[in-house]
């Protein structure tokens, strides 16, 4: 149970990758979603694609800010064409 700031530090110091962090949270969602109904549409492929891109950017020295590489869920806060 790390804070977002702590997770950002782990990413910036290369103690974990965005892909590893994203997989951790995707697995957690898959485990608990049946009981908690955390998500309507799990966009696993999109999340991993974005995580790979973030890792490549960070490796190239392009840091976009303290949240770069941190996975997030929008739940029902946003509407996106093609998704429930």
Protein backbone atom coordinates (compact mmCIF):
# COMPACT_ATOMS: atom_id res chain seq x y z
CA UNK A 1 0.00 0.00 0.00
CA UNK A 2 2.26 2.72 -1.33
CA UNK A 3 1.19 6.28 -1.95
CA UNK A 4 1.24 7.68 -5.49
CA UNK A 5 4.34 9.68 -4.57
CA UNK A 6 6.10 6.54 -3.35
CA UNK A 7 5.14 4.64 -6.51
CA UNK A 8 6.47 7.53 -8.62
CA UNK A 9 9.76 7.35 -6.72
CA UNK A 10 10.00 3.59 -7.38
CA UNK A 11 9.45 4.25 -11.09
CA UNK A 12 11.97 7.10 -11.32
CA UNK A 13 14.63 5.08 -9.47
CA UNK A 14 13.95 2.05 -11.69
CA UNK A 15 12.96 -0.19 -8.77
CA UNK A 16 9.84 -1.12 -10.74
CA UNK A 17 8.64 -0.55 -14.29
CA UNK A 18 5.33 0.88 -15.35
CA UNK A 19 4.50 -2.46 -17.01
CA UNK A 20 5.17 -4.34 -13.77
CA UNK A 21 3.08 -1.87 -11.78
CA UNK A 22 0.27 -1.98 -14.33
CA UNK A 23 0.22 -5.80 -14.33
CA UNK A 24 0.08 -5.77 -10.52
CA UNK A 25 -3.00 -3.53 -10.52
CA UNK A 26 -4.65 -5.38 -13.43
CA UNK A 27 -4.25 -8.66 -11.52
CA UNK A 28 -5.70 -7.00 -8.44
CA UNK A 29 -8.69 -5.74 -10.41
CA UNK A 30 -9.29 -9.20 -11.90
CA UNK A 31 -9.14 -10.75 -8.43
CA UNK A 32 -11.49 -8.34 -6.67
CA UNK A 33 -13.80 -7.15 -9.46
CA UNK A 34 -16.24 -10.08 -9.14
CA UNK A 35 -16.97 -9.11 -5.51
CA UNK A 36 -16.45 -5.35 -5.62
CA UNK A 37 -17.52 -4.54 -9.19
CA UNK A 38 -14.54 -2.18 -9.55
CA UNK A 39 -14.76 -1.80 -13.33
CA UNK A 40 -17.27 -2.15 -16.14
CA UNK A 41 -14.72 -2.48 -18.94
CA UNK A 42 -11.18 -3.58 -18.14
CA UNK A 43 -8.92 -2.14 -20.86
CA UNK A 44 -5.97 -4.44 -20.22
CA UNK A 45 -4.36 -4.19 -23.67
CA UNK A 46 -4.61 -0.39 -23.70
CA UNK A 47 -3.18 -0.15 -20.17
CA UNK A 48 -0.19 -2.34 -21.03
CA UNK A 49 0.43 -0.46 -24.28
CA UNK A 50 0.47 2.85 -22.41
CA UNK A 51 2.73 1.38 -19.71
CA UNK A 52 5.22 0.14 -22.33
CA UNK A 53 5.23 3.61 -23.89
CA UNK A 54 5.82 5.25 -20.49
CA UNK A 55 8.71 2.87 -19.76
CA UNK A 56 10.31 3.61 -23.14
CA UNK A 57 9.98 7.36 -22.57
CA UNK A 58 11.46 7.17 -19.08
CA UNK A 59 14.31 5.00 -20.36
CA UNK A 60 15.02 7.67 -23.00
CA UNK A 61 15.14 10.33 -20.26
CA UNK A 62 11.77 11.91 -21.09
CA UNK A 63 9.96 12.30 -17.77
CA UNK A 64 6.54 13.92 -18.14
CA UNK A 65 6.04 14.62 -14.44
CA UNK A 66 5.53 12.92 -11.09
CA UNK A 67 2.63 10.77 -12.34
CA UNK A 68 4.40 9.52 -15.47
CA UNK A 69 4.03 5.73 -15.61
CA UNK A 70 1.47 5.50 -12.81
CA UNK A 71 -1.57 3.46 -13.93
CA UNK A 72 -4.97 4.92 -13.14
CA UNK A 73 -8.60 3.99 -13.49
CA UNK A 74 -11.26 6.41 -14.69
CA UNK A 75 -14.21 4.21 -13.68
CA UNK A 76 -17.41 6.13 -14.49
CA UNK A 77 -15.87 9.59 -14.36
CA UNK A 78 -15.19 9.76 -18.10
CA UNK A 79 -17.10 8.83 -21.24
CA UNK A 80 -15.16 7.37 -24.18
CA UNK A 81 -16.64 6.34 -27.50
CA UNK A 82 -16.53 2.56 -27.91
CA UNK A 83 -16.59 1.75 -24.18
CA UNK A 84 -19.51 1.12 -21.85
